[in-house]
Amino acid sequence: MNYVFLDGAKILSHTDLHRAFADALDFPDYYGRNLDALRDCLTEQAEPVGVIIVHADLLQEHLGRRWKGFCRLMDDLTDDEPGFRFWLEPFE
């Protein structure tokens, strides 16, 4: 499994969020840096992906209105993609 570690204290914008995914998973140069492109790239990964978020309260604040869409995408991928995992602090 490949992991993406997102620290809400360090991700200050949606641009930072997309950069973190692109760097961690070596997305192609043509990655569109939006939620549709993120879905496409995550579902095309050869290995399952796990996304771990710490300081989620700060990430929510930094993403603003984009937070709900991002969480909806993570939930959809958890439901639809075998092997995809999403952990949000506080961990259960």
Protein backbone atom coordinates (compact mmCIF):
# COMPACT_ATOMS: atom_id res chain seq x y z
CA MET A 1 0.00 0.00 0.00
CA ASN A 2 1.16 3.51 -0.81
CA TYR A 3 0.45 6.18 1.81
CA VAL A 4 -0.24 9.89 1.60
CA PHE A 5 0.37 11.70 4.88
CA LEU A 6 -1.41 15.04 5.11
CA ASP A 7 -0.58 17.38 7.98
CA GLY A 8 -3.16 20.14 8.28
CA ALA A 9 -0.60 22.31 10.04
CA LYS A 10 1.55 22.32 6.90
CA ILE A 11 -1.06 22.25 4.13
CA LEU A 12 -2.23 25.83 3.88
CA SER A 13 -4.25 25.72 0.65
CA HIS A 14 -5.84 23.42 -1.90
CA THR A 15 -2.70 23.91 -4.00
CA ASP A 16 -0.62 22.46 -1.15
CA LEU A 17 -3.09 19.57 -0.83
CA HIS A 18 -2.78 18.61 -4.48
CA ARG A 19 1.00 19.02 -4.37
CA ALA A 20 1.15 16.62 -1.41
CA PHE A 21 -0.78 13.95 -3.33
CA ALA A 22 1.21 14.49 -6.51
CA ASP A 23 4.53 14.25 -4.69
CA ALA A 24 3.62 11.24 -2.56
CA LEU A 25 2.19 9.20 -5.42
CA ASP A 26 4.28 10.51 -8.31
CA PHE A 27 1.31 11.80 -10.33
CA PRO A 28 1.95 12.64 -13.99
CA ASP A 29 2.84 16.19 -15.03
CA TYR A 30 -0.59 16.64 -16.60
CA TYR A 31 -2.36 16.13 -13.24
CA GLY A 32 -5.12 18.76 -13.20
CA ARG A 33 -4.94 19.62 -9.48
CA ASN A 34 -8.68 19.46 -8.85
CA LEU A 35 -10.91 16.85 -7.20
CA ASP A 36 -11.93 15.18 -10.47
CA ALA A 37 -8.29 14.78 -11.48
CA LEU A 38 -7.45 13.57 -7.97
CA ARG A 39 -10.13 10.88 -8.23
CA ASP A 40 -8.80 9.80 -11.61
CA CYS A 41 -5.20 9.57 -10.41
CA LEU A 42 -6.11 7.76 -7.20
CA THR A 43 -8.20 5.15 -9.01
CA GLU A 44 -5.41 4.55 -11.56
CA GLN A 45 -2.80 3.65 -8.92
CA ALA A 46 -1.27 0.18 -9.33
CA GLU A 47 -1.25 -0.36 -5.55
CA PRO A 48 -3.95 0.53 -3.00
CA VAL A 49 -3.66 3.96 -1.41
CA GLY A 50 -4.04 4.98 2.21
CA VAL A 51 -4.60 8.63 3.12
CA ILE A 52 -3.73 9.68 6.68
CA ILE A 53 -4.69 13.14 7.96
CA VAL A 54 -3.44 14.74 11.16
CA HIS A 55 -4.47 18.18 12.38
CA ALA A 56 -7.67 17.73 10.41
CA ASP A 57 -9.23 20.76 12.10
CA LEU A 58 -6.50 22.95 10.62
CA LEU A 59 -6.82 21.33 7.21
CA GLN A 60 -10.56 21.99 7.28
CA GLU A 61 -9.88 25.62 8.11
CA HIS A 62 -7.25 25.97 5.37
CA LEU A 63 -9.38 24.32 2.68
CA GLY A 64 -12.51 26.28 3.59
CA ARG A 65 -15.41 25.47 1.27
CA ARG A 66 -13.31 22.82 -0.49
CA TRP A 67 -13.16 20.65 2.67
CA LYS A 68 -16.61 19.08 2.21
CA GLY A 69 -15.90 18.11 -1.37
CA PHE A 70 -12.56 16.61 -0.41
CA CYS A 71 -14.13 14.54 2.40
CA ARG A 72 -16.94 13.42 0.09
CA LEU A 73 -14.31 12.22 -2.40
CA MET A 74 -12.43 10.32 0.31
CA ASP A 75 -15.69 8.68 1.47
CA ASP A 76 -16.68 7.78 -2.09
CA LEU A 77 -13.29 6.21 -2.77
CA THR A 78 -13.48 4.26 0.50
CA ASP A 79 -16.85 2.86 -0.61
CA ASP A 80 -16.01 2.28 -4.28
CA GLU A 81 -12.34 1.35 -4.51
CA PRO A 82 -11.12 -1.95 -3.07
CA GLY A 83 -8.12 -1.39 -0.85
CA PHE A 84 -8.48 2.40 -0.56
CA ARG A 85 -8.24 3.57 3.05
CA PHE A 86 -8.82 6.95 4.67
CA TRP A 87 -7.84 7.80 8.26
CA LEU A 88 -8.77 11.09 9.84
CA GLU A 89 -7.44 12.20 13.21
CA PRO A 90 -8.68 11.43 15.83
CA PHE A 91 -8.10 7.83 14.87
CA GLU A 92 -10.50 5.12 15.94
